Amino acid sequence: MKLLPTKCPACSNPLKVRKLLCQECKTEIEGVFDLPRLAKLSTEDQDFILQFIKASGSLKEMAKLLKLSYPTVRNRLDEVIERIKDGEENK
């Protein structure tokens, strides 16, 4: 499966969505749309967030799943939160 690019390969600026397509009925919607906030995160950060949700937001459970210490998982979550906040400020 191809990953959605989020940065321009030529200049590294953020990409925007220009066209949406329904593969079933072929309806097309054109415009300039921002990518969803979570889609702008790295694949690793997205995977971490998905695991966190599956663990019902339990850092203790995440530590078990990832075989890491609780403080390490807490720090990782704090880093993801900072990247999300940075993305909001750069909007």
C-alpha atoms as a PDB file:
ATOM      1  CA  MET A   1       0.000   0.000   0.000  1.00  0.00           C
ATOM      2  CA  LYS A   2       1.323   3.437  -0.927  1.00  0.00           C
ATOM      3  CA  LEU A   3       1.621   5.984   1.862  1.00  0.00           C
ATOM      4  CA  LEU A   4       0.081   9.407   1.490  1.00  0.00           C
ATOM      5  CA  PRO A   5       2.877  11.924   0.921  1.00  0.00           C
ATOM      6  CA  THR A   6       2.664  14.926   3.215  1.00  0.00           C
ATOM      7  CA  LYS A   7       5.653  16.984   2.001  1.00  0.00           C
ATOM      8  CA  CYS A   8       6.657  18.168  -1.455  1.00  0.00           C
ATOM      9  CA  PRO A   9       9.527  16.055  -2.817  1.00  0.00           C
ATOM     10  CA  ALA A  10      11.022  19.142  -4.490  1.00  0.00           C
ATOM     11  CA  CYS A  11      10.943  21.753  -1.699  1.00  0.00           C
ATOM     12  CA  SER A  12       9.733  19.877   1.441  1.00  0.00           C
ATOM     13  CA  ASN A  13       6.798  22.245   2.012  1.00  0.00           C
ATOM     14  CA  PRO A  14       3.517  20.694   3.226  1.00  0.00           C
ATOM     15  CA  LEU A  15       1.214  19.283   0.559  1.00  0.00           C
ATOM     16  CA  LYS A  16      -2.514  19.951   0.298  1.00  0.00           C
ATOM     17  CA  VAL A  17      -5.221  17.774  -1.193  1.00  0.00           C
ATOM     18  CA  ARG A  18      -6.620  19.060  -4.478  1.00  0.00           C
ATOM     19  CA  LYS A  19      -9.057  16.391  -5.639  1.00  0.00           C
ATOM     20  CA  LEU A  20     -11.171  13.691  -4.022  1.00  0.00           C
ATOM     21  CA  LEU A  21     -12.678  10.830  -6.009  1.00  0.00           C
ATOM     22  CA  CYS A  22     -15.374   8.255  -5.243  1.00  0.00           C
ATOM     23  CA  GLN A  23     -14.167   5.077  -6.942  1.00  0.00           C
ATOM     24  CA  GLU A  24     -17.708   3.666  -6.958  1.00  0.00           C
ATOM     25  CA  CYS A  25     -19.705   6.408  -8.719  1.00  0.00           C
ATOM     26  CA  LYS A  26     -16.762   8.464 -10.042  1.00  0.00           C
ATOM     27  CA  THR A  27     -17.916  11.670  -8.347  1.00  0.00           C
ATOM     28  CA  GLU A  28     -14.996  14.123  -8.121  1.00  0.00           C
ATOM     29  CA  ILE A  29     -14.608  16.992  -5.703  1.00  0.00           C
ATOM     30  CA  GLU A  30     -11.972  19.620  -6.471  1.00  0.00           C
ATOM     31  CA  GLY A  31     -10.594  22.362  -4.265  1.00  0.00           C
ATOM     32  CA  VAL A  32      -7.691  22.952  -1.945  1.00  0.00           C
ATOM     33  CA  PHE A  33      -8.008  21.037   1.316  1.00  0.00           C
ATOM     34  CA  ASP A  34      -5.661  20.636   4.267  1.00  0.00           C
ATOM     35  CA  LEU A  35      -4.600  17.132   5.172  1.00  0.00           C
ATOM     36  CA  PRO A  36      -6.098  15.891   8.442  1.00  0.00           C
ATOM     37  CA  ARG A  37      -3.885  16.811  11.390  1.00  0.00           C
ATOM     38  CA  LEU A  38      -3.009  13.186  12.216  1.00  0.00           C
ATOM     39  CA  ALA A  39      -2.140  12.435   8.578  1.00  0.00           C
ATOM     40  CA  LYS A  40       0.610  15.037   8.823  1.00  0.00           C
ATOM     41  CA  LEU A  41       2.405  12.982  11.487  1.00  0.00           C
ATOM     42  CA  SER A  42       5.026  10.383  10.617  1.00  0.00           C
ATOM     43  CA  THR A  43       3.916   6.785  10.102  1.00  0.00           C
ATOM     44  CA  GLU A  44       5.654   5.884  13.374  1.00  0.00           C
ATOM     45  CA  ASP A  45       3.716   8.540  15.283  1.00  0.00           C
ATOM     46  CA  GLN A  46       0.440   7.438  13.676  1.00  0.00           C
ATOM     47  CA  ASP A  47       1.131   3.814  14.638  1.00  0.00           C
ATOM     48  CA  PHE A  48       1.938   4.880  18.203  1.00  0.00           C
ATOM     49  CA  ILE A  49      -1.348   6.788  18.458  1.00  0.00           C
ATOM     50  CA  LEU A  50      -3.310   3.801  17.098  1.00  0.00           C
ATOM     51  CA  GLN A  51      -1.682   1.485  19.635  1.00  0.00           C
ATOM     52  CA  PHE A  52      -2.396   4.010  22.388  1.00  0.00           C
ATOM     53  CA  ILE A  53      -6.077   4.105  21.440  1.00  0.00           C
ATOM     54  CA  LYS A  54      -6.263   0.286  21.268  1.00  0.00           C
ATOM     55  CA  ALA A  55      -4.733   0.216  24.765  1.00  0.00           C
ATOM     56  CA  SER A  56      -7.591   2.488  25.922  1.00  0.00           C
ATOM     57  CA  GLY A  57      -5.146   5.288  26.593  1.00  0.00           C
ATOM     58  CA  SER A  58      -3.286   3.265  29.220  1.00  0.00           C
ATOM     59  CA  LEU A  59       0.417   4.089  29.336  1.00  0.00           C
ATOM     60  CA  LYS A  60       0.921   1.072  31.586  1.00  0.00           C
ATOM     61  CA  GLU A  61      -0.601  -1.180  28.905  1.00  0.00           C
ATOM     62  CA  MET A  62       1.451   0.559  26.200  1.00  0.00           C
ATOM     63  CA  ALA A  63       4.627  -0.107  28.185  1.00  0.00           C
ATOM     64  CA  LYS A  64       3.743  -3.821  28.271  1.00  0.00           C
ATOM     65  CA  LEU A  65       2.882  -3.957  24.557  1.00  0.00           C
ATOM     66  CA  LEU A  66       6.017  -2.107  23.470  1.00  0.00           C
ATOM     67  CA  LYS A  67       8.234  -3.793  26.087  1.00  0.00           C
ATOM     68  CA  LEU A  68       9.428  -0.389  27.264  1.00  0.00           C
ATOM     69  CA  SER A  69       9.443   1.333  30.631  1.00  0.00           C
ATOM     70  CA  TYR A  70       6.516   3.509  31.637  1.00  0.00           C
ATOM     71  CA  PRO A  71       8.678   6.691  31.640  1.00  0.00           C
ATOM     72  CA  THR A  72       9.943   5.895  28.123  1.00  0.00           C
ATOM     73  CA  VAL A  73       6.382   5.522  26.828  1.00  0.00           C
ATOM     74  CA  ARG A  74       5.338   8.712  28.648  1.00  0.00           C
ATOM     75  CA  ASN A  75       8.215  10.594  27.010  1.00  0.00           C
ATOM     76  CA  ARG A  76       7.274   9.186  23.588  1.00  0.00           C
ATOM     77  CA  LEU A  77       3.682  10.344  24.077  1.00  0.00           C
ATOM     78  CA  ASP A  78       4.887  13.789  25.153  1.00  0.00           C
ATOM     79  CA  GLU A  79       6.995  14.012  21.968  1.00  0.00           C
ATOM     80  CA  VAL A  80       3.983  13.130  19.792  1.00  0.00           C
ATOM     81  CA  ILE A  81       1.860  15.689  21.636  1.00  0.00           C
ATOM     82  CA  GLU A  82       4.499  18.363  20.974  1.00  0.00           C
ATOM     83  CA  ARG A  83       4.561  17.522  17.248  1.00  0.00           C
ATOM     84  CA  ILE A  84       0.763  17.811  17.147  1.00  0.00           C
ATOM     85  CA  LYS A  85       0.927  21.187  18.937  1.00  0.00           C
ATOM     86  CA  ASP A  86       3.663  22.381  16.568  1.00  0.00           C
ATOM     87  CA  GLY A  87       1.457  21.409  13.621  1.00  0.00           C
ATOM     88  CA  GLU A  88      -1.416  23.447  15.044  1.00  0.00           C
ATOM     89  CA  GLU A  89       0.794  26.506  15.473  1.00  0.00           C
ATOM     90  CA  ASN A  90       2.116  26.264  11.903  1.00  0.00           C
ATOM     91  CA  LYS A  91      -1.368  26.256  10.447  1.00  0.00           C
END
